[in-house]
Amino acid sequence: MDDVLDADVHDADVLDGARTTAALTALGVRPGDVLLVHASLRSLGPVADGARGVLGAVRRAVGPTGTLVVPAFTPENSDTSPHYRERVRGLDAGAVDAVRASMEPYDPAVTPAPSMGALAEAVRTAAGAGRSAHPQTSFAALGPDAARLLAGHRADCHLGEDSPLARLYEADARILLLGTGYATCTAFHLGEYRMPGPPRRSYRCVVTSRGVRRWWEYEDVALDDGDFAALGAAFEDAAADSDVRAGRVGTAACRLVRLRPAVDFATGWLTEHRRTGG
């Protein structure tokens, strides 16, 4: 693993666009890259123009031929999500019914993704952005490859072969962990699908069918990110130097990771560790 540090950016009181782009370039982001980005803007410290400033910096780093992808998940419209269970905890039956009645159906054009962070929302709402069709685990993207990467996201496949993650794998994309860790590395979920016989469960969310709001239930792989931090540490220990680069953008510890080897490692690691329970 290579270590890259931009001390000038690290020490700056306010991170401006030019310095952010320079730090991303020092980290290894290149023109033409396809990037799956997870970001904690708070960890970067003060940033000029906030999420829009960071988005502009990332887009300058990848250039006009590069494509930026972010998770735009919507657990807020599901009653089988941890978000929902937390929201209704302690409520009586009437209050729970009121919550369920207020939950809006997924609309890729307008449904916000508040739990995904400010950068994801900046991408989702940017002019020219596309968004995939899944009502729970959509992705938003900007750039020339956006439409291809987002196409064909089946509604009964959260993060598997019929999702943008598989298209990102085919594109040899890289993952930019901008102030976040492996615990939130969405790409590892593709490894869950590629395990032999992954466990499955039922999911339910609000959708619109022929203009009518309704609840839709479907079955898919049981997603579990509880061991992703340990998985990421193991991957980083085993990774080739070219597969992980580490450095800082502002005050944030960041990583640039090749998605293919990360998913390949995750598939084997999850198969072994979840089978043995350790």
C-alpha atoms as a PDB file:
ATOM      1  CA  MET A   1       0.000   0.000   0.000  1.00  0.00           C
ATOM      2  CA  ASP A   2       1.311   3.428  -0.959  1.00  0.00           C
ATOM      3  CA  ASP A   3       1.125   6.344   1.470  1.00  0.00           C
ATOM      4  CA  VAL A   4       0.459   9.770  -0.029  1.00  0.00           C
ATOM      5  CA  LEU A   5       0.255  12.966   2.021  1.00  0.00           C
ATOM      6  CA  ASP A   6      -0.524  16.509   0.937  1.00  0.00           C
ATOM      7  CA  ALA A   7       0.699  18.568   3.900  1.00  0.00           C
ATOM      8  CA  ASP A   8      -0.341  21.920   2.418  1.00  0.00           C
ATOM      9  CA  VAL A   9      -3.942  20.767   2.133  1.00  0.00           C
ATOM     10  CA  HIS A  10      -3.844  19.092   5.510  1.00  0.00           C
ATOM     11  CA  ASP A  11      -2.770  22.289   7.233  1.00  0.00           C
ATOM     12  CA  ALA A  12      -5.124  24.665   5.441  1.00  0.00           C
ATOM     13  CA  ASP A  13      -7.847  26.319   7.509  1.00  0.00           C
ATOM     14  CA  VAL A  14     -10.384  26.146   4.683  1.00  0.00           C
ATOM     15  CA  LEU A  15     -10.122  23.573   1.923  1.00  0.00           C
ATOM     16  CA  ASP A  16     -10.793  25.224  -1.426  1.00  0.00           C
ATOM     17  CA  GLY A  17     -11.533  23.550  -4.729  1.00  0.00           C
ATOM     18  CA  ALA A  18      -8.040  23.786  -6.171  1.00  0.00           C
ATOM     19  CA  ARG A  19      -6.423  22.279  -3.100  1.00  0.00           C
ATOM     20  CA  THR A  20      -9.026  19.526  -2.928  1.00  0.00           C
ATOM     21  CA  THR A  21      -8.391  18.594  -6.541  1.00  0.00           C
ATOM     22  CA  ALA A  22      -4.627  18.640  -5.933  1.00  0.00           C
ATOM     23  CA  ALA A  23      -4.996  16.339  -2.938  1.00  0.00           C
ATOM     24  CA  LEU A  24      -7.168  13.916  -4.900  1.00  0.00           C
ATOM     25  CA  THR A  25      -4.595  13.887  -7.696  1.00  0.00           C
ATOM     26  CA  ALA A  26      -1.830  13.216  -5.165  1.00  0.00           C
ATOM     27  CA  LEU A  27      -3.908  10.343  -3.819  1.00  0.00           C
ATOM     28  CA  GLY A  28      -3.957   8.822  -7.288  1.00  0.00           C
ATOM     29  CA  VAL A  29      -7.239   9.936  -8.875  1.00  0.00           C
ATOM     30  CA  ARG A  30      -6.680  10.278 -12.616  1.00  0.00           C
ATOM     31  CA  PRO A  31      -8.558  11.725 -15.605  1.00  0.00           C
ATOM     32  CA  GLY A  32     -10.931   9.120 -17.030  1.00  0.00           C
ATOM     33  CA  ASP A  33     -11.368   7.258 -13.754  1.00  0.00           C
ATOM     34  CA  VAL A  34     -14.666   5.652 -12.827  1.00  0.00           C
ATOM     35  CA  LEU A  35     -15.028   6.356  -9.098  1.00  0.00           C
ATOM     36  CA  LEU A  36     -17.469   4.964  -6.557  1.00  0.00           C
ATOM     37  CA  VAL A  37     -17.311   7.592  -3.825  1.00  0.00           C
ATOM     38  CA  HIS A  38     -18.177   7.394  -0.133  1.00  0.00           C
ATOM     39  CA  ALA A  39     -17.642  10.680   1.700  1.00  0.00           C
ATOM     40  CA  SER A  40     -17.850  12.163   5.169  1.00  0.00           C
ATOM     41  CA  LEU A  41     -17.569  15.883   4.547  1.00  0.00           C
ATOM     42  CA  ARG A  42     -17.379  16.626   8.254  1.00  0.00           C
ATOM     43  CA  SER A  43     -14.114  14.700   8.441  1.00  0.00           C
ATOM     44  CA  LEU A  44     -12.554  16.938   5.760  1.00  0.00           C
ATOM     45  CA  GLY A  45     -12.778  20.026   7.944  1.00  0.00           C
ATOM     46  CA  PRO A  46     -14.032  23.395   6.607  1.00  0.00           C
ATOM     47  CA  VAL A  47     -14.564  23.189   2.840  1.00  0.00           C
ATOM     48  CA  ALA A  48     -15.283  26.130   0.551  1.00  0.00           C
ATOM     49  CA  ASP A  49     -18.750  25.718  -1.007  1.00  0.00           C
ATOM     50  CA  GLY A  50     -19.391  22.560   1.026  1.00  0.00           C
ATOM     51  CA  ALA A  51     -20.603  19.481  -0.830  1.00  0.00           C
ATOM     52  CA  ARG A  52     -20.808  21.338  -4.138  1.00  0.00           C
ATOM     53  CA  GLY A  53     -17.189  22.374  -3.758  1.00  0.00           C
ATOM     54  CA  VAL A  54     -16.086  18.800  -3.121  1.00  0.00           C
ATOM     55  CA  LEU A  55     -18.153  17.547  -6.040  1.00  0.00           C
ATOM     56  CA  GLY A  56     -16.528  20.093  -8.319  1.00  0.00           C
ATOM     57  CA  ALA A  57     -13.074  19.060  -7.111  1.00  0.00           C
ATOM     58  CA  VAL A  58     -13.731  15.357  -7.737  1.00  0.00           C
ATOM     59  CA  ARG A  59     -15.104  16.083 -11.192  1.00  0.00           C
ATOM     60  CA  ARG A  60     -12.036  18.156 -12.068  1.00  0.00           C
ATOM     61  CA  ALA A  61      -9.788  15.322 -10.866  1.00  0.00           C
ATOM     62  CA  VAL A  62     -11.490  12.725 -13.098  1.00  0.00           C
ATOM     63  CA  GLY A  63     -11.902  15.182 -15.966  1.00  0.00           C
ATOM     64  CA  PRO A  64     -14.583  15.219 -18.652  1.00  0.00           C
ATOM     65  CA  THR A  65     -14.014  11.545 -19.512  1.00  0.00           C
ATOM     66  CA  GLY A  66     -14.358  10.348 -15.908  1.00  0.00           C
ATOM     67  CA  THR A  67     -17.521   9.215 -14.149  1.00  0.00           C
ATOM     68  CA  LEU A  68     -18.515   9.694 -10.514  1.00  0.00           C
ATOM     69  CA  VAL A  69     -20.930   7.247  -8.826  1.00  0.00           C
ATOM     70  CA  VAL A  70     -22.435   7.432  -5.320  1.00  0.00           C
ATOM     71  CA  PRO A  71     -24.902   5.300  -3.357  1.00  0.00           C
ATOM     72  CA  ALA A  72     -28.302   7.026  -3.207  1.00  0.00           C
ATOM     73  CA  PHE A  73     -30.026   4.512  -0.940  1.00  0.00           C
ATOM     74  CA  THR A  74     -33.510   5.107   0.461  1.00  0.00           C
ATOM     75  CA  PRO A  75     -34.127   3.078   3.644  1.00  0.00           C
ATOM     76  CA  GLU A  76     -36.679   5.735   4.617  1.00  0.00           C
ATOM     77  CA  ASN A  77     -39.384   4.116   2.441  1.00  0.00           C
ATOM     78  CA  SER A  78     -38.998   0.573   3.797  1.00  0.00           C
ATOM     79  CA  ASP A  79     -40.508  -1.042   6.887  1.00  0.00           C
ATOM     80  CA  THR A  80     -37.897  -3.820   6.894  1.00  0.00           C
ATOM     81  CA  SER A  81     -34.892  -1.507   7.289  1.00  0.00           C
ATOM     82  CA  PRO A  82     -32.917  -0.693  10.462  1.00  0.00           C
ATOM     83  CA  HIS A  83     -33.822   2.960   9.791  1.00  0.00           C
ATOM     84  CA  TYR A  84     -37.526   2.148  10.092  1.00  0.00           C
ATOM     85  CA  ARG A  85     -37.097   0.019  13.204  1.00  0.00           C
ATOM     86  CA  GLU A  86     -35.295   2.887  14.892  1.00  0.00           C
ATOM     87  CA  ARG A  87     -37.931   5.369  13.784  1.00  0.00           C
ATOM     88  CA  VAL A  88     -40.869   3.420  15.258  1.00  0.00           C
ATOM     89  CA  ARG A  89     -39.140   2.171  18.402  1.00  0.00           C
ATOM     90  CA  GLY A  90     -41.350   2.897  21.404  1.00  0.00           C
ATOM     91  CA  LEU A  91     -44.330   4.111  19.353  1.00  0.00           C
ATOM     92  CA  ASP A  92     -47.828   2.757  19.913  1.00  0.00           C
ATOM     93  CA  ALA A  93     -49.770   1.034  17.129  1.00  0.00           C
ATOM     94  CA  GLY A  94     -51.557   4.207  16.035  1.00  0.00           C
ATOM     95  CA  ALA A  95     -48.324   6.150  15.742  1.00  0.00           C
ATOM     96  CA  VAL A  96     -46.712   3.316  13.788  1.00  0.00           C
ATOM     97  CA  ASP A  97     -49.646   3.299  11.368  1.00  0.00           C
ATOM     98  CA  ALA A  98     -49.228   7.050  10.918  1.00  0.00           C
ATOM     99  CA  VAL A  99     -45.539   6.627  10.123  1.00  0.00           C
ATOM    100  CA  ARG A 100     -46.287   3.921   7.559  1.00  0.00           C
ATOM    101  CA  ALA A 101     -48.987   6.042   5.937  1.00  0.00           C
ATOM    102  CA  SER A 102     -46.578   8.977   5.613  1.00  0.00           C
ATOM    103  CA  MET A 103     -43.828   7.012   3.851  1.00  0.00           C
ATOM    104  CA  GLU A 104     -43.475   8.182   0.252  1.00  0.00           C
ATOM    105  CA  PRO A 105     -43.032   5.789  -2.683  1.00  0.00           C
ATOM    106  CA  TYR A 106     -39.669   5.788  -4.446  1.00  0.00           C
ATOM    107  CA  ASP A 107     -39.352   8.125  -7.405  1.00  0.00           C
ATOM    108  CA  PRO A 108     -35.830   8.212  -8.889  1.00  0.00           C
ATOM    109  CA  ALA A 109     -36.334  11.781 -10.061  1.00  0.00           C
ATOM    110  CA  VAL A 110     -37.202  13.339  -6.706  1.00  0.00           C
ATOM    111  CA  THR A 111     -36.816  10.952  -3.752  1.00  0.00           C
ATOM    112  CA  PRO A 112     -34.026  12.262  -1.500  1.00  0.00           C
ATOM    113  CA  ALA A 113     -31.322  10.079   0.041  1.00  0.00           C
ATOM    114  CA  PRO A 114     -30.717  11.928   3.333  1.00  0.00           C
ATOM    115  CA  SER A 115     -28.922   9.075   5.080  1.00  0.00           C
ATOM    116  CA  MET A 116     -26.267   8.913   2.343  1.00  0.00           C
ATOM    117  CA  GLY A 117     -24.667  12.262   3.155  1.00  0.00           C
ATOM    118  CA  ALA A 118     -24.269  15.655   1.579  1.00  0.00           C
ATOM    119  CA  LEU A 119     -22.015  14.643  -1.316  1.00  0.00           C
ATOM    120  CA  ALA A 120     -24.429  11.923  -2.444  1.00  0.00           C
ATOM    121  CA  GLU A 121     -27.242  14.471  -2.428  1.00  0.00           C
ATOM    122  CA  ALA A 122     -25.082  16.928  -4.375  1.00  0.00           C
ATOM    123  CA  VAL A 123     -24.495  14.299  -7.046  1.00  0.00           C
ATOM    124  CA  ARG A 124     -28.126  13.175  -7.115  1.00  0.00           C
ATOM    125  CA  THR A 125     -29.418  16.723  -7.624  1.00  0.00           C
ATOM    126  CA  ALA A 126     -26.705  17.907 -10.041  1.00  0.00           C
ATOM    127  CA  ALA A 127     -27.662  18.826 -13.585  1.00  0.00           C
ATOM    128  CA  GLY A 128     -27.254  15.826 -15.867  1.00  0.00           C
ATOM    129  CA  ALA A 129     -27.139  13.233 -13.083  1.00  0.00           C
ATOM    130  CA  GLY A 130     -28.715   9.821 -13.599  1.00  0.00           C
ATOM    131  CA  ARG A 131     -30.098   7.436 -11.000  1.00  0.00           C
ATOM    132  CA  SER A 132     -30.770   3.710 -11.062  1.00  0.00           C
ATOM    133  CA  ALA A 133     -34.249   2.256 -10.634  1.00  0.00           C
ATOM    134  CA  HIS A 134     -33.998   0.169  -7.467  1.00  0.00           C
ATOM    135  CA  PRO A 135     -36.437   1.514  -4.831  1.00  0.00           C
ATOM    136  CA  GLN A 136     -34.070   0.796  -1.942  1.00  0.00           C
ATOM    137  CA  THR A 137     -30.457   0.760  -3.134  1.00  0.00           C
ATOM    138  CA  SER A 138     -30.251   3.111  -6.095  1.00  0.00           C
ATOM    139  CA  PHE A 139     -27.022   4.740  -7.259  1.00  0.00           C
ATOM    140  CA  ALA A 140     -26.603   8.208  -8.759  1.00  0.00           C
ATOM    141  CA  ALA A 141     -23.912   9.090 -11.267  1.00  0.00           C
ATOM    142  CA  LEU A 142     -22.416  11.905 -13.324  1.00  0.00           C
ATOM    143  CA  GLY A 143     -20.224  11.470 -16.376  1.00  0.00           C
ATOM    144  CA  PRO A 144     -20.118   9.816 -19.790  1.00  0.00           C
ATOM    145  CA  ASP A 145     -20.451   6.257 -18.426  1.00  0.00           C
ATOM    146  CA  ALA A 146     -23.322   7.067 -16.042  1.00  0.00           C
ATOM    147  CA  ALA A 147     -26.170   5.676 -18.155  1.00  0.00           C
ATOM    148  CA  ARG A 148     -24.376   2.396 -18.852  1.00  0.00           C
ATOM    149  CA  LEU A 149     -23.393   1.874 -15.221  1.00  0.00           C
ATOM    150  CA  LEU A 150     -26.898   2.604 -13.918  1.00  0.00           C
ATOM    151  CA  ALA A 151     -28.915   0.667 -16.496  1.00  0.00           C
ATOM    152  CA  GLY A 152     -30.688  -2.589 -15.713  1.00  0.00           C
ATOM    153  CA  HIS A 153     -30.782  -2.302 -11.923  1.00  0.00           C
ATOM    154  CA  ARG A 154     -33.400  -4.926 -11.210  1.00  0.00           C
ATOM    155  CA  ALA A 155     -35.840  -4.192  -8.413  1.00  0.00           C
ATOM    156  CA  ASP A 156     -35.220  -7.594  -6.797  1.00  0.00           C
ATOM    157  CA  CYS A 157     -31.433  -7.263  -6.834  1.00  0.00           C
ATOM    158  CA  HIS A 158     -30.077  -4.767  -4.316  1.00  0.00           C
ATOM    159  CA  LEU A 159     -26.342  -4.989  -4.908  1.00  0.00           C
ATOM    160  CA  GLY A 160     -25.651  -8.083  -6.985  1.00  0.00           C
ATOM    161  CA  GLU A 161     -25.085  -9.016 -10.620  1.00  0.00           C
ATOM    162  CA  ASP A 162     -28.049  -6.948 -11.851  1.00  0.00           C
ATOM    163  CA  SER A 163     -26.939  -3.799 -10.032  1.00  0.00           C
ATOM    164  CA  PRO A 164     -24.497  -0.965 -10.751  1.00  0.00           C
ATOM    165  CA  LEU A 165     -21.927  -2.664  -8.518  1.00  0.00           C
ATOM    166  CA  ALA A 166     -21.461  -5.434 -11.071  1.00  0.00           C
ATOM    167  CA  ARG A 167     -21.159  -2.854 -13.857  1.00  0.00           C
ATOM    168  CA  LEU A 168     -18.541  -0.986 -11.776  1.00  0.00           C
ATOM    169  CA  TYR A 169     -16.659  -4.272 -11.350  1.00  0.00           C
ATOM    170  CA  GLU A 170     -16.677  -4.771 -15.128  1.00  0.00           C
ATOM    171  CA  ALA A 171     -15.443  -1.185 -15.603  1.00  0.00           C
ATOM    172  CA  ASP A 172     -12.472  -1.776 -13.256  1.00  0.00           C
ATOM    173  CA  ALA A 173     -13.673   1.167 -11.176  1.00  0.00           C
ATOM    174  CA  ARG A 174     -11.968   2.473  -8.089  1.00  0.00           C
ATOM    175  CA  ILE A 175     -13.462   3.259  -4.697  1.00  0.00           C
ATOM    176  CA  LEU A 176     -12.732   6.630  -3.115  1.00  0.00           C
ATOM    177  CA  LEU A 177     -13.180   6.504   0.662  1.00  0.00           C
ATOM    178  CA  LEU A 178     -13.161  10.219   1.375  1.00  0.00           C
ATOM    179  CA  GLY A 179     -12.955  10.398   5.157  1.00  0.00           C
ATOM    180  CA  THR A 180     -14.850   7.125   5.570  1.00  0.00           C
ATOM    181  CA  GLY A 181     -13.684   3.606   6.394  1.00  0.00           C
ATOM    182  CA  TYR A 182     -14.243   0.116   5.095  1.00  0.00           C
ATOM    183  CA  ALA A 183     -17.261  -0.334   7.370  1.00  0.00           C
ATOM    184  CA  THR A 184     -19.303   1.574   4.789  1.00  0.00           C
ATOM    185  CA  CYS A 185     -17.631   0.137   1.684  1.00  0.00           C
ATOM    186  CA  THR A 186     -20.690  -0.754  -0.397  1.00  0.00           C
ATOM    187  CA  ALA A 187     -18.689  -2.737  -2.956  1.00  0.00           C
ATOM    188  CA  PHE A 188     -18.097  -5.504  -0.407  1.00  0.00           C
ATOM    189  CA  HIS A 189     -21.797  -6.359  -0.719  1.00  0.00           C
ATOM    190  CA  LEU A 190     -21.146  -7.695  -4.223  1.00  0.00           C
ATOM    191  CA  GLY A 191     -18.919 -10.259  -2.518  1.00  0.00           C
ATOM    192  CA  GLU A 192     -21.942 -11.374  -0.471  1.00  0.00           C
ATOM    193  CA  TYR A 193     -23.811 -12.199  -3.674  1.00  0.00           C
ATOM    194  CA  ARG A 194     -20.840 -14.133  -5.014  1.00  0.00           C
ATOM    195  CA  MET A 195     -20.568 -16.367  -1.960  1.00  0.00           C
ATOM    196  CA  PRO A 196     -21.896 -19.900  -2.574  1.00  0.00           C
ATOM    197  CA  GLY A 197     -25.509 -20.082  -1.409  1.00  0.00           C
ATOM    198  CA  PRO A 198     -25.760 -16.718   0.405  1.00  0.00           C
ATOM    199  CA  PRO A 199     -28.647 -16.474   2.883  1.00  0.00           C
ATOM    200  CA  ARG A 200     -31.757 -14.682   1.663  1.00  0.00           C
ATOM    201  CA  ARG A 201     -34.563 -12.745   3.345  1.00  0.00           C
ATOM    202  CA  SER A 202     -37.705 -10.746   2.586  1.00  0.00           C
ATOM    203  CA  TYR A 203     -37.714  -6.968   2.092  1.00  0.00           C
ATOM    204  CA  ARG A 204     -40.631  -4.551   1.786  1.00  0.00           C
ATOM    205  CA  CYS A 205     -40.887  -0.950   0.619  1.00  0.00           C
ATOM    206  CA  VAL A 206     -43.303   1.605  -0.792  1.00  0.00           C
ATOM    207  CA  VAL A 207     -43.490   1.934  -4.582  1.00  0.00           C
ATOM    208  CA  THR A 208     -45.837   3.321  -7.198  1.00  0.00           C
ATOM    209  CA  SER A 209     -47.541   0.912  -9.575  1.00  0.00           C
ATOM    210  CA  ARG A 210     -49.545   2.500 -12.415  1.00  0.00           C
ATOM    211  CA  GLY A 211     -49.794   5.669 -10.398  1.00  0.00           C
ATOM    212  CA  VAL A 212     -51.022   3.912  -7.248  1.00  0.00           C
ATOM    213  CA  ARG A 213     -49.020   3.846  -4.003  1.00  0.00           C
ATOM    214  CA  ARG A 214     -48.541   0.329  -2.673  1.00  0.00           C
ATOM    215  CA  TRP A 215     -46.300  -1.830  -0.541  1.00  0.00           C
ATOM    216  CA  TRP A 216     -44.085  -4.254  -2.446  1.00  0.00           C
ATOM    217  CA  GLU A 217     -42.418  -7.319  -0.907  1.00  0.00           C
ATOM    218  CA  TYR A 218     -39.566  -9.194  -2.516  1.00  0.00           C
ATOM    219  CA  GLU A 219     -36.767 -11.622  -1.626  1.00  0.00           C
ATOM    220  CA  ASP A 220     -33.061 -10.956  -2.018  1.00  0.00           C
ATOM    221  CA  VAL A 221     -29.700 -11.715  -0.415  1.00  0.00           C
ATOM    222  CA  ALA A 222     -29.571 -10.882   3.305  1.00  0.00           C
ATOM    223  CA  LEU A 223     -27.221  -7.893   3.390  1.00  0.00           C
ATOM    224  CA  ASP A 224     -24.937  -7.579   6.405  1.00  0.00           C
ATOM    225  CA  ASP A 225     -22.136  -5.025   6.756  1.00  0.00           C
ATOM    226  CA  GLY A 226     -21.398  -5.841  10.403  1.00  0.00           C
ATOM    227  CA  ASP A 227     -18.003  -7.380   9.613  1.00  0.00           C
ATOM    228  CA  PHE A 228     -16.935  -5.031   6.816  1.00  0.00           C
ATOM    229  CA  ALA A 229     -14.434  -3.136   9.004  1.00  0.00           C
ATOM    230  CA  ALA A 230     -12.610  -6.392   9.779  1.00  0.00           C
ATOM    231  CA  LEU A 231     -12.888  -7.448   6.145  1.00  0.00           C
ATOM    232  CA  GLY A 232     -11.371  -4.156   5.006  1.00  0.00           C
ATOM    233  CA  ALA A 233      -8.459  -4.447   7.415  1.00  0.00           C
ATOM    234  CA  ALA A 234      -7.742  -7.966   6.168  1.00  0.00           C
ATOM    235  CA  PHE A 235      -7.964  -6.832   2.549  1.00  0.00           C
ATOM    236  CA  GLU A 236      -5.576  -3.963   3.133  1.00  0.00           C
ATOM    237  CA  ASP A 237      -3.054  -6.285   4.803  1.00  0.00           C
ATOM    238  CA  ALA A 238      -3.143  -8.609   1.798  1.00  0.00           C
ATOM    239  CA  ALA A 239      -3.541  -6.022  -1.000  1.00  0.00           C
ATOM    240  CA  ALA A 240      -0.930  -5.301  -3.631  1.00  0.00           C
ATOM    241  CA  ASP A 241       0.675  -1.854  -3.510  1.00  0.00           C
ATOM    242  CA  SER A 242      -1.265  -0.796  -6.599  1.00  0.00           C
ATOM    243  CA  ASP A 243      -4.630  -1.802  -5.116  1.00  0.00           C
ATOM    244  CA  VAL A 244      -4.763   0.626  -2.170  1.00  0.00           C
ATOM    245  CA  ARG A 245      -3.396   4.137  -1.815  1.00  0.00           C
ATOM    246  CA  ALA A 246      -3.760   6.139   1.387  1.00  0.00           C
ATOM    247  CA  GLY A 247      -3.430   9.827   2.117  1.00  0.00           C
ATOM    248  CA  ARG A 248      -5.239  12.903   3.379  1.00  0.00           C
ATOM    249  CA  VAL A 249      -7.659  15.369   1.902  1.00  0.00           C
ATOM    250  CA  GLY A 250      -8.080  18.247   4.307  1.00  0.00           C
ATOM    251  CA  THR A 251      -8.105  16.677   7.758  1.00  0.00           C
ATOM    252  CA  ALA A 252      -9.581  13.374   6.521  1.00  0.00           C
ATOM    253  CA  ALA A 253      -7.794  10.070   6.176  1.00  0.00           C
ATOM    254  CA  CYS A 254      -8.683   8.771   2.718  1.00  0.00           C
ATOM    255  CA  ARG A 255      -8.161   5.705   0.560  1.00  0.00           C
ATOM    256  CA  LEU A 256      -8.305   4.977  -3.136  1.00  0.00           C
ATOM    257  CA  VAL A 257      -9.047   1.293  -3.701  1.00  0.00           C
ATOM    258  CA  ARG A 258      -9.371  -0.826  -6.834  1.00  0.00           C
ATOM    259  CA  LEU A 259     -12.857  -2.281  -6.749  1.00  0.00           C
ATOM    260  CA  ARG A 260     -12.173  -5.591  -8.518  1.00  0.00           C
ATOM    261  CA  PRO A 261      -9.534  -6.951  -6.118  1.00  0.00           C
ATOM    262  CA  ALA A 262     -11.549  -5.648  -3.161  1.00  0.00           C
ATOM    263  CA  VAL A 263     -14.648  -7.565  -4.281  1.00  0.00           C
ATOM    264  CA  ASP A 264     -12.631 -10.679  -5.159  1.00  0.00           C
ATOM    265  CA  PHE A 265     -11.005 -10.675  -1.735  1.00  0.00           C
ATOM    266  CA  ALA A 266     -14.359 -10.022  -0.043  1.00  0.00           C
ATOM    267  CA  THR A 267     -15.950 -13.006  -1.774  1.00  0.00           C
ATOM    268  CA  GLY A 268     -13.351 -15.405  -0.403  1.00  0.00           C
ATOM    269  CA  TRP A 269     -13.074 -13.781   3.024  1.00  0.00           C
ATOM    270  CA  LEU A 270     -16.826 -13.684   3.593  1.00  0.00           C
ATOM    271  CA  THR A 271     -17.215 -17.271   2.391  1.00  0.00           C
ATOM    272  CA  GLU A 272     -14.616 -18.436   4.909  1.00  0.00           C
ATOM    273  CA  HIS A 273     -15.454 -16.271   7.901  1.00  0.00           C
ATOM    274  CA  ARG A 274     -19.234 -16.425   7.744  1.00  0.00           C
ATOM    275  CA  ARG A 275     -19.149 -20.156   7.254  1.00  0.00           C
ATOM    276  CA  THR A 276     -16.992 -20.623  10.328  1.00  0.00           C
ATOM    277  CA  GLY A 277     -18.632 -17.813  12.316  1.00  0.00           C
ATOM    278  CA  GLY A 278     -15.352 -16.004  12.955  1.00  0.00           C
END
